[in-house]
Amino acid sequence: MILAGRSELLDGMARFDDSLPIQSGFHNRLRYAHNDPVNFTDPSGLEEIPKGTPENSYQGIGKWEFDSRENAYKFFEILLSAEERPKGWKEKVRLGCVGLNSLRVGDPSGKPSPRVFQNALIRKDIDIFRSKAAAEKFLTELEIKNEGAVYYLVAVQISATTTGIKKYNSLGDGPFKINDLSGIIDPEKMGAFNFATLILLKNGDSYWEWMNRGLDVMSDDPAAVTHSTDLPTDYDATFYVVVEKLKWNG
């Protein structure tokens, strides 16, 4: 029972008056963290967020698995800002790593096709790096040159042929153009691949964000979003590109 804003123990459970307003359709005043305390928390009583770092931010290390599209959509509604959830965002999410990456950096086409995004990202004139440090230096130079613009570091990971791996191992740091990587990267014939976005936190920390597969892909493994300090190691080649955050047209 709640009396004058105080909590009392009833049946061994502490009752607290939740600061969040009761939403339409929800009549359970004891509802906590989307009724999913395993994956969500609400330390302030003001914001239900996926569990992450000790600083109570979902923007931290973790892995979140989804057993249905609906649960995935619920997660992304909180993970992504309103600006990153344009019309048709659920179609993007269903694409997996490509869709999540395009939601983060923006997509001028406004279309959910992974091929559209791949071709927009890996253009003939874009700078591609094998070294993360070299790509980050390039990103910093762009931020200084184009004050006010926002840039993301994106890792493109692929499975390459034996010949492609040999050529990849002989490369320097970069920058390269797409034509320099003939035989390693072919945007029209990319097989197994991963697009990971580097997310920067206000405290200076960062993590990689990616999805293991699309929501519509048949697999024994559940669809999941991973936040990690390291990229997955089950790809033959990893390249880094700097992408300017774009506004959505669709």
C-alpha atoms as a PDB file:
ATOM      1  CA  MET A   1       0.000   0.000   0.000  1.00  0.00           C
ATOM      2  CA  ILE A   2       1.268   3.482  -0.825  1.00  0.00           C
ATOM      3  CA  LEU A   3       0.630   6.154   1.796  1.00  0.00           C
ATOM      4  CA  ALA A   4       1.755   9.748   1.329  1.00  0.00           C
ATOM      5  CA  GLY A   5       4.348   8.707  -1.219  1.00  0.00           C
ATOM      6  CA  ARG A   6       5.871   6.069   1.089  1.00  0.00           C
ATOM      7  CA  SER A   7       6.441   2.430   0.265  1.00  0.00           C
ATOM      8  CA  GLU A   8       5.325  -0.422   2.483  1.00  0.00           C
ATOM      9  CA  LEU A   9       6.057  -4.115   2.452  1.00  0.00           C
ATOM     10  CA  LEU A  10       3.078  -6.186   1.401  1.00  0.00           C
ATOM     11  CA  ASP A  11       3.576  -9.924   0.981  1.00  0.00           C
ATOM     12  CA  GLY A  12       7.329  -9.333   1.174  1.00  0.00           C
ATOM     13  CA  MET A  13       7.403  -6.943  -1.802  1.00  0.00           C
ATOM     14  CA  ALA A  14       8.309  -3.268  -1.554  1.00  0.00           C
ATOM     15  CA  ARG A  15       5.733  -1.089  -3.289  1.00  0.00           C
ATOM     16  CA  PHE A  16       6.929   2.185  -4.833  1.00  0.00           C
ATOM     17  CA  ASP A  17       4.930   4.861  -6.567  1.00  0.00           C
ATOM     18  CA  ASP A  18       6.331   4.847 -10.118  1.00  0.00           C
ATOM     19  CA  SER A  19       7.158   8.322 -11.432  1.00  0.00           C
ATOM     20  CA  LEU A  20       6.323   7.254 -14.999  1.00  0.00           C
ATOM     21  CA  PRO A  21       2.745   8.123 -15.980  1.00  0.00           C
ATOM     22  CA  ILE A  22       0.375   5.226 -16.450  1.00  0.00           C
ATOM     23  CA  GLN A  23       0.158   4.647 -20.180  1.00  0.00           C
ATOM     24  CA  SER A  24      -3.118   4.050 -21.944  1.00  0.00           C
ATOM     25  CA  GLY A  25      -3.922   0.351 -21.915  1.00  0.00           C
ATOM     26  CA  PHE A  26      -1.714  -0.397 -18.870  1.00  0.00           C
ATOM     27  CA  HIS A  27      -3.541  -0.637 -15.538  1.00  0.00           C
ATOM     28  CA  ASN A  28      -0.889  -2.481 -13.528  1.00  0.00           C
ATOM     29  CA  ARG A  29       0.787   0.149 -11.334  1.00  0.00           C
ATOM     30  CA  LEU A  30       3.465  -2.405 -10.439  1.00  0.00           C
ATOM     31  CA  ARG A  31       4.511  -2.850 -14.066  1.00  0.00           C
ATOM     32  CA  TYR A  32       8.277  -2.511 -14.182  1.00  0.00           C
ATOM     33  CA  ALA A  33      10.693  -2.190 -17.101  1.00  0.00           C
ATOM     34  CA  HIS A  34       8.295  -3.238 -19.869  1.00  0.00           C
ATOM     35  CA  ASN A  35       7.403  -6.284 -17.757  1.00  0.00           C
ATOM     36  CA  ASP A  36      10.805  -7.630 -18.827  1.00  0.00           C
ATOM     37  CA  PRO A  37      13.205  -7.133 -15.890  1.00  0.00           C
ATOM     38  CA  VAL A  38      15.683  -9.623 -17.357  1.00  0.00           C
ATOM     39  CA  ASN A  39      16.522  -7.336 -20.277  1.00  0.00           C
ATOM     40  CA  PHE A  40      15.322  -3.915 -19.090  1.00  0.00           C
ATOM     41  CA  THR A  41      15.812  -1.719 -16.038  1.00  0.00           C
ATOM     42  CA  ASP A  42      14.339   1.503 -14.675  1.00  0.00           C
ATOM     43  CA  PRO A  43      16.720   2.839 -12.017  1.00  0.00           C
ATOM     44  CA  SER A  44      15.256   6.349 -11.988  1.00  0.00           C
ATOM     45  CA  GLY A  45      11.592   5.475 -12.352  1.00  0.00           C
ATOM     46  CA  LEU A  46      11.565   7.812 -15.346  1.00  0.00           C
ATOM     47  CA  GLU A  47      12.990   5.784 -18.199  1.00  0.00           C
ATOM     48  CA  GLU A  48      12.682   2.089 -19.033  1.00  0.00           C
ATOM     49  CA  ILE A  49      15.909   1.130 -20.787  1.00  0.00           C
ATOM     50  CA  PRO A  50      17.713  -2.048 -21.881  1.00  0.00           C
ATOM     51  CA  LYS A  51      20.310  -3.135 -19.362  1.00  0.00           C
ATOM     52  CA  GLY A  52      23.816  -1.990 -20.203  1.00  0.00           C
ATOM     53  CA  THR A  53      26.679  -0.299 -18.417  1.00  0.00           C
ATOM     54  CA  PRO A  54      26.731   0.649 -14.720  1.00  0.00           C
ATOM     55  CA  GLU A  55      26.031   4.229 -15.804  1.00  0.00           C
ATOM     56  CA  ASN A  56      22.462   3.068 -16.446  1.00  0.00           C
ATOM     57  CA  SER A  57      22.692   3.473 -20.191  1.00  0.00           C
ATOM     58  CA  TYR A  58      21.558   0.897 -22.720  1.00  0.00           C
ATOM     59  CA  GLN A  59      24.410   2.244 -24.809  1.00  0.00           C
ATOM     60  CA  GLY A  60      26.855  -0.248 -23.335  1.00  0.00           C
ATOM     61  CA  ILE A  61      28.258  -3.723 -23.683  1.00  0.00           C
ATOM     62  CA  GLY A  62      25.683  -6.462 -23.959  1.00  0.00           C
ATOM     63  CA  LYS A  63      23.813  -8.880 -26.195  1.00  0.00           C
ATOM     64  CA  TRP A  64      20.053  -8.818 -26.615  1.00  0.00           C
ATOM     65  CA  GLU A  65      18.242 -11.754 -28.235  1.00  0.00           C
ATOM     66  CA  PHE A  66      14.712 -11.655 -29.670  1.00  0.00           C
ATOM     67  CA  ASP A  67      12.251 -14.520 -29.880  1.00  0.00           C
ATOM     68  CA  SER A  68       9.820 -12.554 -32.035  1.00  0.00           C
ATOM     69  CA  ARG A  69       9.618  -9.518 -34.307  1.00  0.00           C
ATOM     70  CA  GLU A  70       7.439  -7.767 -31.768  1.00  0.00           C
ATOM     71  CA  ASN A  71      10.082  -8.046 -29.051  1.00  0.00           C
ATOM     72  CA  ALA A  72      12.712  -6.795 -31.474  1.00  0.00           C
ATOM     73  CA  TYR A  73      10.578  -3.785 -32.421  1.00  0.00           C
ATOM     74  CA  LYS A  74      10.004  -2.993 -28.724  1.00  0.00           C
ATOM     75  CA  PHE A  75      13.762  -3.048 -28.138  1.00  0.00           C
ATOM     76  CA  PHE A  76      14.564  -0.795 -31.104  1.00  0.00           C
ATOM     77  CA  GLU A  77      11.901   1.728 -30.147  1.00  0.00           C
ATOM     78  CA  ILE A  78      14.007   2.406 -27.064  1.00  0.00           C
ATOM     79  CA  LEU A  79      17.458   1.817 -28.531  1.00  0.00           C
ATOM     80  CA  LEU A  80      17.064   4.244 -31.432  1.00  0.00           C
ATOM     81  CA  SER A  81      16.202   7.902 -31.096  1.00  0.00           C
ATOM     82  CA  ALA A  82      13.068   9.258 -32.755  1.00  0.00           C
ATOM     83  CA  GLU A  83      15.288  10.751 -35.472  1.00  0.00           C
ATOM     84  CA  GLU A  84      16.676   7.293 -36.205  1.00  0.00           C
ATOM     85  CA  ARG A  85      13.217   5.744 -36.526  1.00  0.00           C
ATOM     86  CA  PRO A  86      11.852   7.228 -39.777  1.00  0.00           C
ATOM     87  CA  LYS A  87       8.822   5.925 -41.599  1.00  0.00           C
ATOM     88  CA  GLY A  88       9.497   2.327 -42.573  1.00  0.00           C
ATOM     89  CA  TRP A  89      12.095   1.760 -39.848  1.00  0.00           C
ATOM     90  CA  LYS A  90      10.702  -1.674 -38.998  1.00  0.00           C
ATOM     91  CA  GLU A  91      11.488  -2.839 -42.531  1.00  0.00           C
ATOM     92  CA  LYS A  92      15.077  -1.700 -41.960  1.00  0.00           C
ATOM     93  CA  VAL A  93      15.340  -3.590 -38.686  1.00  0.00           C
ATOM     94  CA  ARG A  94      14.188  -6.761 -40.392  1.00  0.00           C
ATOM     95  CA  LEU A  95      17.283  -6.591 -42.640  1.00  0.00           C
ATOM     96  CA  GLY A  96      19.701  -7.183 -39.787  1.00  0.00           C
ATOM     97  CA  CYS A  97      23.130  -5.532 -39.660  1.00  0.00           C
ATOM     98  CA  VAL A  98      22.679  -3.577 -42.900  1.00  0.00           C
ATOM     99  CA  GLY A  99      19.339  -2.160 -41.799  1.00  0.00           C
ATOM    100  CA  LEU A 100      20.527  -1.262 -38.293  1.00  0.00           C
ATOM    101  CA  ASN A 101      23.626   0.401 -39.724  1.00  0.00           C
ATOM    102  CA  SER A 102      21.585   2.445 -42.185  1.00  0.00           C
ATOM    103  CA  LEU A 103      19.259   3.567 -39.389  1.00  0.00           C
ATOM    104  CA  ARG A 104      22.270   4.821 -37.454  1.00  0.00           C
ATOM    105  CA  VAL A 105      23.979   6.694 -40.287  1.00  0.00           C
ATOM    106  CA  GLY A 106      20.927   7.628 -42.365  1.00  0.00           C
ATOM    107  CA  ASP A 107      19.961   6.586 -45.848  1.00  0.00           C
ATOM    108  CA  PRO A 108      19.162   9.216 -48.518  1.00  0.00           C
ATOM    109  CA  SER A 109      17.240   6.691 -50.605  1.00  0.00           C
ATOM    110  CA  GLY A 110      14.687   6.058 -47.883  1.00  0.00           C
ATOM    111  CA  LYS A 111      14.458   2.490 -49.177  1.00  0.00           C
ATOM    112  CA  PRO A 112      15.022  -0.677 -47.151  1.00  0.00           C
ATOM    113  CA  SER A 113      17.004  -2.572 -49.804  1.00  0.00           C
ATOM    114  CA  PRO A 114      20.389  -3.801 -48.539  1.00  0.00           C
ATOM    115  CA  ARG A 115      21.828  -3.539 -52.051  1.00  0.00           C
ATOM    116  CA  VAL A 116      20.859   0.144 -52.200  1.00  0.00           C
ATOM    117  CA  PHE A 117      22.694   0.791 -48.963  1.00  0.00           C
ATOM    118  CA  GLN A 118      25.751  -1.285 -49.883  1.00  0.00           C
ATOM    119  CA  ASN A 119      26.132   0.560 -53.162  1.00  0.00           C
ATOM    120  CA  ALA A 120      25.689   3.920 -51.405  1.00  0.00           C
ATOM    121  CA  LEU A 121      28.268   3.010 -48.774  1.00  0.00           C
ATOM    122  CA  ILE A 122      30.953   1.362 -50.909  1.00  0.00           C
ATOM    123  CA  ARG A 123      31.090   3.864 -53.754  1.00  0.00           C
ATOM    124  CA  LYS A 124      33.970   4.126 -56.182  1.00  0.00           C
ATOM    125  CA  ASP A 125      35.052   7.444 -54.690  1.00  0.00           C
ATOM    126  CA  ILE A 126      34.875   6.534 -50.990  1.00  0.00           C
ATOM    127  CA  ASP A 127      38.023   6.090 -48.890  1.00  0.00           C
ATOM    128  CA  ILE A 128      38.451   2.606 -47.470  1.00  0.00           C
ATOM    129  CA  PHE A 129      40.958   1.675 -44.760  1.00  0.00           C
ATOM    130  CA  ARG A 130      42.333  -1.586 -43.469  1.00  0.00           C
ATOM    131  CA  SER A 131      43.546   0.133 -40.295  1.00  0.00           C
ATOM    132  CA  LYS A 132      40.983   1.312 -37.723  1.00  0.00           C
ATOM    133  CA  ALA A 133      43.456   3.919 -36.432  1.00  0.00           C
ATOM    134  CA  ALA A 134      43.946   5.347 -39.937  1.00  0.00           C
ATOM    135  CA  ALA A 135      40.175   5.529 -40.465  1.00  0.00           C
ATOM    136  CA  GLU A 136      39.666   7.264 -37.104  1.00  0.00           C
ATOM    137  CA  LYS A 137      42.343   9.827 -37.992  1.00  0.00           C
ATOM    138  CA  PHE A 138      40.544  10.492 -41.280  1.00  0.00           C
ATOM    139  CA  LEU A 139      37.246  10.893 -39.393  1.00  0.00           C
ATOM    140  CA  THR A 140      38.821  13.465 -37.070  1.00  0.00           C
ATOM    141  CA  GLU A 141      40.207  15.409 -40.032  1.00  0.00           C
ATOM    142  CA  LEU A 142      36.750  15.499 -41.631  1.00  0.00           C
ATOM    143  CA  GLU A 143      35.129  16.736 -38.398  1.00  0.00           C
ATOM    144  CA  ILE A 144      37.644  19.589 -38.194  1.00  0.00           C
ATOM    145  CA  LYS A 145      37.241  20.444 -41.865  1.00  0.00           C
ATOM    146  CA  ASN A 146      33.442  20.228 -41.897  1.00  0.00           C
ATOM    147  CA  GLU A 147      32.389  21.663 -38.554  1.00  0.00           C
ATOM    148  CA  GLY A 148      28.886  20.630 -37.589  1.00  0.00           C
ATOM    149  CA  ALA A 149      28.818  17.469 -39.692  1.00  0.00           C
ATOM    150  CA  VAL A 150      28.486  14.124 -37.905  1.00  0.00           C
ATOM    151  CA  TYR A 151      30.490  11.097 -39.020  1.00  0.00           C
ATOM    152  CA  TYR A 152      30.370   7.427 -38.138  1.00  0.00           C
ATOM    153  CA  LEU A 153      33.071   4.806 -38.399  1.00  0.00           C
ATOM    154  CA  VAL A 154      31.687   1.667 -40.034  1.00  0.00           C
ATOM    155  CA  ALA A 155      33.397  -1.716 -40.213  1.00  0.00           C
ATOM    156  CA  VAL A 156      32.592  -3.853 -43.257  1.00  0.00           C
ATOM    157  CA  GLN A 157      33.486  -7.504 -42.702  1.00  0.00           C
ATOM    158  CA  ILE A 158      33.384 -10.119 -45.440  1.00  0.00           C
ATOM    159  CA  SER A 159      34.182 -13.736 -46.161  1.00  0.00           C
ATOM    160  CA  ALA A 160      36.754 -13.783 -48.967  1.00  0.00           C
ATOM    161  CA  THR A 161      38.184 -16.381 -51.323  1.00  0.00           C
ATOM    162  CA  THR A 162      41.650 -17.843 -50.708  1.00  0.00           C
ATOM    163  CA  THR A 163      43.051 -15.479 -53.334  1.00  0.00           C
ATOM    164  CA  GLY A 164      41.192 -12.595 -51.744  1.00  0.00           C
ATOM    165  CA  ILE A 165      42.600 -13.365 -48.289  1.00  0.00           C
ATOM    166  CA  LYS A 166      46.123 -13.438 -49.694  1.00  0.00           C
ATOM    167  CA  LYS A 167      45.639 -10.038 -51.322  1.00  0.00           C
ATOM    168  CA  TYR A 168      44.011  -8.635 -48.183  1.00  0.00           C
ATOM    169  CA  ASN A 169      46.979  -9.706 -46.036  1.00  0.00           C
ATOM    170  CA  SER A 170      49.366  -7.916 -48.384  1.00  0.00           C
ATOM    171  CA  LEU A 171      47.608  -4.548 -48.109  1.00  0.00           C
ATOM    172  CA  GLY A 172      48.791  -1.565 -46.079  1.00  0.00           C
ATOM    173  CA  ASP A 173      46.637   0.673 -43.900  1.00  0.00           C
ATOM    174  CA  GLY A 174      44.983   2.615 -46.721  1.00  0.00           C
ATOM    175  CA  PRO A 175      43.218   4.659 -47.870  1.00  0.00           C
ATOM    176  CA  PHE A 176      42.065   2.587 -50.824  1.00  0.00           C
ATOM    177  CA  LYS A 177      39.384   2.960 -53.434  1.00  0.00           C
ATOM    178  CA  ILE A 178      36.979   0.179 -54.306  1.00  0.00           C
ATOM    179  CA  ASN A 179      38.874  -0.592 -57.519  1.00  0.00           C
ATOM    180  CA  ASP A 180      42.018  -1.246 -55.453  1.00  0.00           C
ATOM    181  CA  LEU A 181      40.181  -4.051 -53.681  1.00  0.00           C
ATOM    182  CA  SER A 182      39.104  -5.990 -56.757  1.00  0.00           C
ATOM    183  CA  GLY A 183      38.995  -9.654 -55.870  1.00  0.00           C
ATOM    184  CA  ILE A 184      38.413  -8.928 -52.184  1.00  0.00           C
ATOM    185  CA  ILE A 185      35.306  -6.741 -52.072  1.00  0.00           C
ATOM    186  CA  ASP A 186      32.633  -6.888 -54.737  1.00  0.00           C
ATOM    187  CA  PRO A 187      29.496  -4.958 -53.706  1.00  0.00           C
ATOM    188  CA  GLU A 188      27.453  -6.909 -56.244  1.00  0.00           C
ATOM    189  CA  LYS A 189      28.581 -10.339 -55.006  1.00  0.00           C
ATOM    190  CA  MET A 190      28.991  -9.970 -51.264  1.00  0.00           C
ATOM    191  CA  GLY A 191      28.224 -13.278 -49.585  1.00  0.00           C
ATOM    192  CA  ALA A 192      28.577 -13.556 -45.818  1.00  0.00           C
ATOM    193  CA  PHE A 193      29.158 -10.072 -44.456  1.00  0.00           C
ATOM    194  CA  ASN A 194      28.729  -7.878 -41.411  1.00  0.00           C
ATOM    195  CA  PHE A 195      28.179  -4.129 -41.109  1.00  0.00           C
ATOM    196  CA  ALA A 196      29.115  -2.816 -37.652  1.00  0.00           C
ATOM    197  CA  THR A 197      28.765   0.799 -36.501  1.00  0.00           C
ATOM    198  CA  LEU A 198      31.072   2.354 -33.911  1.00  0.00           C
ATOM    199  CA  ILE A 199      28.922   4.134 -31.335  1.00  0.00           C
ATOM    200  CA  LEU A 200      30.612   6.858 -29.287  1.00  0.00           C
ATOM    201  CA  LEU A 201      29.436   7.684 -25.761  1.00  0.00           C
ATOM    202  CA  LYS A 202      29.535  11.075 -24.083  1.00  0.00           C
ATOM    203  CA  ASN A 203      32.024   9.797 -21.506  1.00  0.00           C
ATOM    204  CA  GLY A 204      34.498   8.939 -24.270  1.00  0.00           C
ATOM    205  CA  ASP A 205      33.842   5.188 -24.323  1.00  0.00           C
ATOM    206  CA  SER A 206      32.774   3.418 -27.501  1.00  0.00           C
ATOM    207  CA  TYR A 207      31.474   0.062 -28.694  1.00  0.00           C
ATOM    208  CA  TRP A 208      30.660  -1.739 -31.921  1.00  0.00           C
ATOM    209  CA  GLU A 209      27.006  -2.411 -32.700  1.00  0.00           C
ATOM    210  CA  TRP A 210      25.734  -5.052 -35.105  1.00  0.00           C
ATOM    211  CA  MET A 211      23.059  -7.704 -35.671  1.00  0.00           C
ATOM    212  CA  ASN A 212      23.812 -11.360 -36.345  1.00  0.00           C
ATOM    213  CA  ARG A 213      21.055 -11.757 -38.951  1.00  0.00           C
ATOM    214  CA  GLY A 214      17.826 -10.354 -40.288  1.00  0.00           C
ATOM    215  CA  LEU A 215      14.557 -10.987 -38.461  1.00  0.00           C
ATOM    216  CA  ASP A 216      13.149 -12.971 -41.381  1.00  0.00           C
ATOM    217  CA  VAL A 217      16.132 -15.327 -41.781  1.00  0.00           C
ATOM    218  CA  MET A 218      15.434 -18.919 -40.783  1.00  0.00           C
ATOM    219  CA  SER A 219      18.003 -20.013 -38.202  1.00  0.00           C
ATOM    220  CA  ASP A 220      18.336 -22.019 -34.997  1.00  0.00           C
ATOM    221  CA  ASP A 221      20.062 -19.010 -33.436  1.00  0.00           C
ATOM    222  CA  PRO A 222      17.764 -16.175 -32.358  1.00  0.00           C
ATOM    223  CA  ALA A 223      18.181 -12.767 -33.953  1.00  0.00           C
ATOM    224  CA  ALA A 224      20.290 -10.573 -31.694  1.00  0.00           C
ATOM    225  CA  VAL A 225      21.906  -7.170 -31.349  1.00  0.00           C
ATOM    226  CA  THR A 226      25.426  -7.155 -29.925  1.00  0.00           C
ATOM    227  CA  HIS A 227      27.362  -4.274 -28.374  1.00  0.00           C
ATOM    228  CA  SER A 228      31.018  -5.190 -27.959  1.00  0.00           C
ATOM    229  CA  THR A 229      34.428  -3.561 -27.693  1.00  0.00           C
ATOM    230  CA  ASP A 230      35.686  -6.036 -30.312  1.00  0.00           C
ATOM    231  CA  LEU A 231      34.384  -7.029 -33.730  1.00  0.00           C
ATOM    232  CA  PRO A 232      33.437 -10.630 -34.554  1.00  0.00           C
ATOM    233  CA  THR A 233      36.403 -12.751 -35.627  1.00  0.00           C
ATOM    234  CA  ASP A 234      34.663 -15.182 -37.980  1.00  0.00           C
ATOM    235  CA  TYR A 235      35.240 -13.075 -41.132  1.00  0.00           C
ATOM    236  CA  ASP A 236      38.270 -13.146 -43.429  1.00  0.00           C
ATOM    237  CA  ALA A 237      38.631  -9.424 -44.064  1.00  0.00           C
ATOM    238  CA  THR A 238      37.669  -6.249 -42.214  1.00  0.00           C
ATOM    239  CA  PHE A 239      37.667  -2.782 -43.770  1.00  0.00           C
ATOM    240  CA  TYR A 240      36.771   0.566 -42.240  1.00  0.00           C
ATOM    241  CA  VAL A 241      34.929   3.437 -43.897  1.00  0.00           C
ATOM    242  CA  VAL A 242      33.896   6.867 -42.630  1.00  0.00           C
ATOM    243  CA  VAL A 243      30.278   7.728 -43.346  1.00  0.00           C
ATOM    244  CA  GLU A 244      28.621  11.099 -42.858  1.00  0.00           C
ATOM    245  CA  LYS A 245      25.320  10.942 -40.997  1.00  0.00           C
ATOM    246  CA  LEU A 246      22.580  11.781 -43.465  1.00  0.00           C
ATOM    247  CA  LYS A 247      19.011  12.964 -43.079  1.00  0.00           C
ATOM    248  CA  TRP A 248      16.226  10.634 -44.061  1.00  0.00           C
ATOM    249  CA  ASN A 249      14.107  11.393 -47.103  1.00  0.00           C
ATOM    250  CA  GLY A 250      11.676   8.590 -46.519  1.00  0.00           C
END
